[in-house]
Amino acid sequence: METSCGGRASPSFARTAPTASSTARARRSRNRLRRLALALSLLGAVTVAPADALEKFSVIHSSVSGSQAILFVTRDARIFEKHGLDVDIRFVAGGPTAIQALLAGEVQVAVMGGPAAVAAKLEGADTVIIVGLINTMDHVMVAQPQIKRPRDLKDKKIAVSRFGSSDHFASRFALHTWGLGSDKDVTFLQIGEQGARLTALKAGRVDATLIQPPLTVVARKAGVTELAALADLDVDYIGTTVVATRALLARREDLVRRFVRAVVEGIHFYKTNKTPALASIGKFMRLEDPDALEETYRQYAVRLTPRAPYPTAKGVKTILDDVGARDPRARVANPADFIEARFVRELEESGFIKALYGQ
């Protein structure tokens, strides 16, 4: 007990010294609060900017498919505008063509399959994958009605969009899994986007092709054989990506950051606002069939699109391992050199993604 100047004993109010564990807990709590405050400010402080304040941003995409519908869902919900971007979306068939447009400076980013992005980097292009929208194989192999098993594809003609495209890579990978030597056991034909490939299949010009929802519903109704869903192979894969150049990242980092933030917020809208998302998918793909729309939503919004769309080194490695059989550069390449995950990581570590989902 301490004694006051009047001689009376008074209780001690001396504090117990904080322990190391309590200090660490307090620090973690403060950090969480700071991250939450930042996330909430990012969510709430940004409103749709006036049209004259928006910055032009051009995107090219390589497939009219459910895997790339997120672009149109995000645009129609005006989420790009919320982040100060006036986004122009253009289409070309196939990843290799999209890469050419990106490298020519015609667009700022390309939404495309991973194999063409990896191939471009191996050739020395200044490209980097900044978002992994789909990190598995989402294709379905469909074939003529008389073809009942994958091994029946031997000596058959398989349609792809372009050589080196995502569907070409996935076809080769699946054939290898089924014990077929791809190039020596089948003939690949360049036909174009998946609608054209399905038309060629129904006309009997090819024996099989890979398609994605919602064309799976159309194919089913046409009576073709659904041989295999490649998602069931459970392979780490860099399927649908957002690709930029490192020069753009160095020159306009904030612009890229806003685009990625808008896409991540668009994914949340996609997953939690089914009715407007279905409307966007229908408009983008010119679909009215409710079964086709429902299958697209179930496959992509519910099942395959991650909340935090990291590009993955494991997915890149799957591609490099396959390419390495033909290209020695792929055997010594470091998968981490092909991706830049910091934009998604910043959003996750700040609490932005959890705040979107009310966590």
Protein backbone atom coordinates (compact mmCIF):
# COMPACT_ATOMS: atom_id res chain seq x y z
CA MET A 1 0.00 0.00 0.00
CA GLU A 2 1.06 3.55 -0.75
CA THR A 3 0.50 6.32 1.81
CA SER A 4 -1.11 9.64 0.87
CA CYS A 5 0.22 12.94 2.19
CA GLY A 6 -2.54 12.89 4.81
CA GLY A 7 -1.13 9.70 6.18
CA ARG A 8 -3.99 7.54 4.99
CA ALA A 9 -3.36 4.44 3.11
CA SER A 10 -4.79 4.54 -0.37
CA PRO A 11 -5.25 1.68 -2.79
CA SER A 12 -2.63 1.18 -5.44
CA PHE A 13 -3.64 1.86 -9.03
CA ALA A 14 -0.34 0.68 -10.47
CA ARG A 15 -0.88 -1.18 -13.78
CA THR A 16 0.33 -4.65 -14.38
CA ALA A 17 2.97 -4.60 -17.09
CA PRO A 18 1.59 -5.97 -20.37
CA THR A 19 2.83 -9.37 -21.41
CA ALA A 20 4.34 -10.09 -24.82
CA SER A 21 1.29 -12.13 -25.84
CA SER A 22 -1.19 -9.40 -24.85
CA THR A 23 0.85 -6.80 -26.75
CA ALA A 24 0.85 -9.01 -29.84
CA ARG A 25 -2.90 -9.54 -29.57
CA ALA A 26 -3.49 -5.81 -29.30
CA ARG A 27 -1.27 -5.14 -32.30
CA ARG A 28 -3.12 -7.76 -34.37
CA SER A 29 -6.44 -6.24 -33.34
CA ARG A 30 -5.30 -2.75 -34.38
CA ASN A 31 -4.06 -4.08 -37.71
CA ARG A 32 -7.38 -5.82 -38.34
CA LEU A 33 -9.26 -2.62 -37.58
CA ARG A 34 -7.02 -0.64 -39.92
CA ARG A 35 -7.52 -3.19 -42.71
CA LEU A 36 -11.28 -3.19 -42.17
CA ALA A 37 -11.38 0.62 -42.24
CA LEU A 38 -9.40 0.62 -45.50
CA ALA A 39 -11.66 -2.00 -47.04
CA LEU A 40 -14.81 -0.13 -46.03
CA SER A 41 -13.40 3.10 -47.41
CA LEU A 42 -12.68 1.38 -50.72
CA LEU A 43 -16.21 0.00 -50.79
CA GLY A 44 -18.09 3.05 -49.68
CA ALA A 45 -16.10 6.06 -50.69
CA VAL A 46 -16.14 5.33 -54.41
CA THR A 47 -19.30 6.29 -56.30
CA VAL A 48 -19.96 6.19 -60.01
CA ALA A 49 -17.83 8.94 -61.51
CA PRO A 50 -19.26 11.47 -63.99
CA ALA A 51 -18.75 10.39 -67.60
CA ASP A 52 -16.24 13.17 -68.29
CA ALA A 53 -14.15 12.05 -65.30
CA LEU A 54 -13.80 8.43 -66.45
CA GLU A 55 -10.50 7.19 -67.80
CA LYS A 56 -10.54 5.17 -71.02
CA PHE A 57 -9.50 1.55 -70.57
CA SER A 58 -9.53 -1.01 -73.39
CA VAL A 59 -9.88 -4.76 -72.95
CA ILE A 60 -9.78 -7.54 -75.51
CA HIS A 61 -11.29 -10.96 -74.87
CA SER A 62 -10.73 -14.16 -76.82
CA SER A 63 -13.83 -16.30 -76.37
CA VAL A 64 -17.61 -15.89 -76.40
CA SER A 65 -18.03 -18.18 -73.42
CA GLY A 66 -19.20 -18.27 -69.84
CA SER A 67 -15.60 -18.12 -68.62
CA GLN A 68 -15.30 -14.53 -69.88
CA ALA A 69 -18.83 -13.36 -69.06
CA ILE A 70 -17.57 -11.67 -65.88
CA LEU A 71 -16.37 -8.74 -68.01
CA PHE A 72 -19.89 -8.01 -69.19
CA VAL A 73 -21.52 -8.61 -65.81
CA THR A 74 -19.11 -6.08 -64.30
CA ARG A 75 -19.66 -3.56 -67.09
CA ASP A 76 -23.46 -3.82 -67.02
CA ALA A 77 -23.47 -3.33 -63.24
CA ARG A 78 -21.46 -0.11 -63.81
CA ILE A 79 -18.74 -1.31 -61.47
CA PHE A 80 -15.97 -0.24 -63.83
CA GLU A 81 -17.42 3.27 -63.76
CA LYS A 82 -17.51 3.14 -59.97
CA HIS A 83 -13.74 2.75 -60.09
CA GLY A 84 -13.27 5.59 -62.58
CA LEU A 85 -12.94 3.52 -65.75
CA ASP A 86 -14.69 3.80 -69.11
CA VAL A 87 -14.05 0.25 -70.34
CA ASP A 88 -14.20 -0.64 -74.02
CA ILE A 89 -14.46 -4.42 -74.58
CA ARG A 90 -13.49 -5.94 -77.92
CA PHE A 91 -13.46 -9.52 -79.21
CA VAL A 92 -10.96 -11.57 -81.22
CA ALA A 93 -11.00 -15.34 -81.64
CA GLY A 94 -8.26 -17.14 -79.72
CA GLY A 95 -5.56 -16.24 -77.22
CA PRO A 96 -2.70 -15.91 -79.73
CA THR A 97 -4.60 -13.16 -81.58
CA ALA A 98 -5.43 -11.43 -78.29
CA ILE A 99 -1.75 -11.43 -77.35
CA GLN A 100 -0.87 -9.81 -80.67
CA ALA A 101 -3.34 -6.98 -79.98
CA LEU A 102 -1.94 -6.53 -76.47
CA LEU A 103 1.67 -6.39 -77.64
CA ALA A 104 0.74 -3.98 -80.43
CA GLY A 105 -0.57 -1.56 -77.79
CA GLU A 106 -4.14 -1.71 -79.10
CA VAL A 107 -5.48 -2.59 -75.63
CA GLN A 108 -4.32 -2.38 -72.04
CA VAL A 109 -5.24 -5.91 -70.95
CA ALA A 110 -6.36 -9.16 -72.55
CA VAL A 111 -8.79 -11.68 -71.07
CA MET A 112 -7.77 -15.00 -72.54
CA GLY A 113 -6.60 -18.54 -71.95
CA GLY A 114 -3.37 -19.17 -70.09
CA PRO A 115 -1.45 -21.23 -72.70
CA ALA A 116 -1.10 -18.34 -75.17
CA ALA A 117 0.03 -16.04 -72.36
CA VAL A 118 2.66 -18.55 -71.27
CA ALA A 119 3.80 -19.11 -74.86
CA ALA A 120 4.19 -15.37 -75.43
CA LYS A 121 6.33 -15.00 -72.31
CA LEU A 122 8.51 -17.92 -73.40
CA GLU A 123 9.05 -16.09 -76.69
CA GLY A 124 10.30 -13.06 -74.74
CA ALA A 125 7.15 -10.94 -74.70
CA ASP A 126 6.73 -8.40 -71.91
CA THR A 127 3.56 -10.08 -70.63
CA VAL A 128 2.40 -11.04 -67.15
CA ILE A 129 -0.74 -12.70 -65.80
CA ILE A 130 -2.35 -10.49 -63.14
CA VAL A 131 -5.67 -12.28 -62.50
CA GLY A 132 -6.67 -15.95 -62.59
CA LEU A 133 -10.40 -15.92 -63.35
CA ILE A 134 -10.61 -19.69 -63.83
CA ASN A 135 -7.86 -21.86 -62.35
CA THR A 136 -8.91 -25.23 -63.72
CA MET A 137 -9.97 -26.71 -67.05
CA ASP A 138 -13.59 -25.78 -67.71
CA HIS A 139 -14.05 -27.39 -71.12
CA VAL A 140 -16.23 -30.37 -72.04
CA MET A 141 -15.22 -32.75 -74.85
CA VAL A 142 -18.16 -33.43 -77.17
CA ALA A 143 -18.15 -35.78 -80.14
CA GLN A 144 -20.20 -37.35 -82.90
CA PRO A 145 -23.00 -39.61 -81.56
CA GLN A 146 -21.21 -42.80 -82.66
CA ILE A 147 -18.17 -41.93 -80.52
CA LYS A 148 -18.88 -43.24 -77.04
CA ARG A 149 -15.51 -43.33 -75.23
CA PRO A 150 -12.47 -41.03 -75.19
CA ARG A 151 -10.24 -43.71 -76.71
CA ASP A 152 -12.60 -43.82 -79.73
CA LEU A 153 -11.06 -40.47 -80.75
CA LYS A 154 -7.99 -42.21 -82.19
CA ASP A 155 -7.46 -41.21 -85.85
CA LYS A 156 -10.28 -38.65 -85.64
CA LYS A 157 -10.44 -34.92 -86.48
CA ILE A 158 -10.69 -32.52 -83.54
CA ALA A 159 -11.63 -28.86 -83.98
CA VAL A 160 -9.77 -26.14 -82.08
CA SER A 161 -10.04 -22.36 -82.28
CA ARG A 162 -6.38 -21.78 -83.14
CA PHE A 163 -3.16 -23.68 -82.63
CA GLY A 164 -1.67 -22.63 -79.30
CA SER A 165 -5.03 -21.58 -77.87
CA SER A 166 -6.43 -22.65 -74.52
CA ASP A 167 -8.79 -25.20 -76.07
CA HIS A 168 -5.94 -26.63 -78.18
CA PHE A 169 -3.79 -27.08 -75.08
CA ALA A 170 -6.68 -28.59 -73.09
CA SER A 171 -7.45 -30.99 -75.95
CA ARG A 172 -3.85 -32.18 -76.04
CA PHE A 173 -3.74 -32.52 -72.25
CA ALA A 174 -6.97 -34.53 -72.13
CA LEU A 175 -5.90 -36.82 -74.97
CA HIS A 176 -2.63 -37.54 -73.18
CA THR A 177 -4.59 -38.35 -70.00
CA TRP A 178 -6.69 -40.80 -72.03
CA GLY A 179 -3.61 -42.53 -73.44
CA LEU A 180 -3.62 -40.91 -76.87
CA GLY A 181 -0.50 -39.23 -78.24
CA SER A 182 -2.44 -36.19 -79.47
CA ASP A 183 -0.59 -35.08 -82.63
CA LYS A 184 0.18 -38.59 -83.86
CA ASP A 185 -3.20 -40.08 -82.92
CA VAL A 186 -5.57 -37.28 -84.00
CA THR A 187 -5.73 -34.44 -86.52
CA PHE A 188 -6.34 -30.92 -85.20
CA LEU A 189 -8.19 -28.44 -87.42
CA GLN A 190 -8.38 -24.68 -86.80
CA ILE A 191 -12.07 -23.78 -87.01
CA GLY A 192 -12.55 -20.69 -84.81
CA GLU A 193 -14.61 -19.87 -81.73
CA GLN A 194 -16.66 -22.56 -80.02
CA GLY A 195 -19.95 -21.76 -81.76
CA ALA A 196 -18.27 -22.36 -85.12
CA ARG A 197 -16.67 -25.55 -83.80
CA LEU A 198 -19.99 -26.94 -82.61
CA THR A 199 -21.55 -26.10 -86.00
CA ALA A 200 -18.70 -27.99 -87.72
CA LEU A 201 -19.29 -30.95 -85.41
CA LYS A 202 -23.04 -31.05 -86.11
CA ALA A 203 -22.33 -30.79 -89.86
CA GLY A 204 -19.98 -33.79 -89.68
CA ARG A 205 -16.87 -31.85 -90.74
CA VAL A 206 -15.05 -32.79 -87.51
CA ASP A 207 -15.42 -35.65 -85.05
CA ALA A 208 -14.99 -33.85 -81.73
CA THR A 209 -14.23 -30.53 -80.08
CA LEU A 210 -14.02 -28.84 -76.70
CA ILE A 211 -16.78 -26.44 -75.71
CA GLN A 212 -17.79 -24.61 -72.54
CA PRO A 213 -21.14 -23.89 -70.91
CA PRO A 214 -23.65 -22.83 -72.08
CA LEU A 215 -22.94 -24.50 -75.43
CA THR A 216 -22.94 -27.79 -73.53
CA VAL A 217 -26.74 -27.45 -73.26
CA VAL A 218 -27.07 -26.73 -76.99
CA ALA A 219 -24.83 -29.71 -77.79
CA ARG A 220 -26.82 -32.00 -75.51
CA LYS A 221 -30.06 -31.03 -77.21
CA ALA A 222 -28.45 -31.68 -80.61
CA GLY A 223 -27.72 -35.26 -79.60
CA VAL A 224 -23.92 -35.20 -79.60
CA THR A 225 -21.95 -37.34 -77.17
CA GLU A 226 -20.65 -35.63 -74.04
CA LEU A 227 -17.42 -37.56 -73.56
CA ALA A 228 -15.87 -35.89 -70.52
CA ALA A 229 -15.90 -32.74 -68.39
CA LEU A 230 -12.27 -31.71 -68.02
CA ALA A 231 -12.99 -30.01 -64.69
CA ASP A 232 -13.35 -33.54 -63.31
CA LEU A 233 -9.65 -34.11 -64.01
CA ASP A 234 -9.02 -31.74 -61.06
CA VAL A 235 -5.90 -30.20 -62.59
CA ASP A 236 -4.21 -26.99 -61.41
CA TYR A 237 -4.36 -24.91 -64.55
CA ILE A 238 -4.25 -21.26 -65.53
CA GLY A 239 -7.46 -21.35 -67.56
CA THR A 240 -8.98 -17.90 -68.05
CA THR A 241 -6.64 -15.04 -67.20
CA VAL A 242 -6.21 -11.30 -67.32
CA VAL A 243 -2.90 -10.48 -69.00
CA ALA A 244 -1.08 -7.14 -69.07
CA THR A 245 2.40 -5.97 -69.97
CA ARG A 246 4.97 -5.23 -67.29
CA ALA A 247 5.51 -1.89 -69.01
CA LEU A 248 1.90 -0.94 -68.21
CA LEU A 249 2.33 -2.04 -64.59
CA ALA A 250 5.40 0.16 -64.26
CA ARG A 251 3.82 3.13 -66.01
CA ARG A 252 0.20 3.02 -64.76
CA GLU A 253 0.10 0.87 -61.63
CA ASP A 254 -2.91 2.70 -60.20
CA LEU A 255 -4.87 2.17 -63.42
CA VAL A 256 -4.24 -1.58 -63.27
CA ARG A 257 -5.08 -1.63 -59.57
CA ARG A 258 -8.47 -0.01 -60.21
CA PHE A 259 -9.24 -2.47 -63.00
CA VAL A 260 -8.42 -5.48 -60.82
CA ARG A 261 -10.42 -4.02 -57.93
CA ALA A 262 -13.42 -3.57 -60.25
CA VAL A 263 -13.14 -7.16 -61.50
CA VAL A 264 -13.01 -8.52 -57.94
CA GLU A 265 -16.06 -6.46 -57.02
CA GLY A 266 -17.69 -7.67 -60.24
CA ILE A 267 -17.11 -11.27 -59.16
CA HIS A 268 -18.97 -10.52 -55.92
CA PHE A 269 -21.87 -9.02 -57.91
CA TYR A 270 -21.82 -12.06 -60.24
CA LYS A 271 -22.09 -14.47 -57.32
CA THR A 272 -24.72 -12.57 -55.33
CA ASN A 273 -27.00 -10.99 -57.96
CA LYS A 274 -28.19 -13.88 -60.10
CA THR A 275 -31.02 -12.19 -62.03
CA PRO A 276 -29.01 -9.25 -63.47
CA ALA A 277 -26.01 -11.55 -63.98
CA LEU A 278 -28.15 -13.90 -66.10
CA ALA A 279 -29.38 -10.91 -68.11
CA SER A 280 -25.77 -9.86 -68.82
CA ILE A 281 -24.78 -13.41 -69.82
CA GLY A 282 -27.77 -13.66 -72.15
CA LYS A 283 -26.96 -10.35 -73.83
CA PHE A 284 -23.23 -11.11 -74.17
CA MET A 285 -23.78 -14.61 -75.57
CA ARG A 286 -27.07 -13.88 -77.37
CA LEU A 287 -28.78 -16.59 -75.35
CA GLU A 288 -32.42 -16.92 -74.43
CA ASP A 289 -32.56 -20.60 -73.47
CA PRO A 290 -33.13 -20.60 -69.68
CA ASP A 291 -31.43 -24.01 -69.31
CA ALA A 292 -28.30 -22.70 -71.03
CA LEU A 293 -28.24 -19.56 -68.93
CA GLU A 294 -28.72 -21.53 -65.72
CA GLU A 295 -25.92 -23.96 -66.56
CA THR A 296 -23.55 -21.09 -67.33
CA TYR A 297 -24.32 -19.39 -64.04
CA ARG A 298 -24.01 -22.60 -62.04
CA GLN A 299 -20.69 -23.54 -63.64
CA TYR A 300 -18.96 -20.17 -63.50
CA ALA A 301 -20.55 -17.92 -60.87
CA VAL A 302 -21.17 -20.69 -58.35
CA ARG A 303 -18.52 -23.30 -59.03
CA LEU A 304 -15.40 -22.10 -60.82
CA THR A 305 -14.83 -18.36 -60.35
CA PRO A 306 -12.90 -17.73 -57.10
CA ARG A 307 -13.66 -14.83 -54.78
CA ALA A 308 -9.95 -13.99 -54.70
CA PRO A 309 -8.84 -14.60 -58.31
CA TYR A 310 -5.14 -15.22 -57.81
CA PRO A 311 -3.05 -16.26 -60.80
CA THR A 312 -1.29 -19.44 -59.69
CA ALA A 313 2.24 -20.65 -60.29
CA LYS A 314 0.95 -24.24 -60.08
CA GLY A 315 -1.38 -23.54 -62.98
CA VAL A 316 1.47 -22.10 -65.05
CA LYS A 317 3.60 -25.15 -64.22
CA THR A 318 0.96 -27.47 -65.71
CA ILE A 319 1.33 -25.64 -69.01
CA LEU A 320 5.13 -25.47 -68.85
CA ASP A 321 5.35 -29.21 -68.14
CA ASP A 322 3.38 -29.94 -71.31
CA VAL A 323 5.22 -27.41 -73.47
CA GLY A 324 8.56 -28.65 -72.13
CA ALA A 325 8.20 -31.85 -74.14
CA ARG A 326 8.62 -29.73 -77.29
CA ASP A 327 10.36 -26.55 -76.11
CA PRO A 328 13.47 -26.78 -73.89
CA ARG A 329 12.92 -23.19 -72.69
CA ALA A 330 9.82 -24.31 -70.83
CA ARG A 331 11.80 -26.92 -68.88
CA VAL A 332 13.99 -24.27 -67.22
CA ALA A 333 11.39 -21.51 -66.89
CA ASN A 334 10.29 -20.40 -63.41
CA PRO A 335 6.45 -20.42 -63.15
CA ALA A 336 6.57 -17.48 -60.72
CA ASP A 337 8.01 -15.25 -63.47
CA PHE A 338 4.77 -15.52 -65.44
CA ILE A 339 2.45 -14.09 -62.79
CA GLU A 340 2.01 -10.94 -60.70
CA ALA A 341 -0.36 -11.67 -57.82
CA ARG A 342 0.15 -8.50 -55.77
CA PHE A 343 -2.98 -6.69 -56.98
CA VAL A 344 -5.27 -9.48 -55.78
CA ARG A 345 -3.14 -9.99 -52.66
CA GLU A 346 -3.52 -6.32 -51.71
CA LEU A 347 -7.29 -6.64 -51.90
CA GLU A 348 -7.33 -9.76 -49.78
CA GLU A 349 -4.86 -8.52 -47.16
CA SER A 350 -6.65 -5.17 -46.82
CA GLY A 351 -9.91 -6.96 -46.01
CA PHE A 352 -11.59 -5.61 -49.17
CA ILE A 353 -12.76 -9.04 -50.34
CA LYS A 354 -14.07 -10.10 -46.93
CA ALA A 355 -15.91 -6.80 -46.61
CA LEU A 356 -17.63 -7.41 -49.96
CA TYR A 357 -19.08 -10.62 -48.61
CA GLY A 358 -19.91 -9.14 -45.19
CA GLN A 359 -17.27 -11.11 -43.33
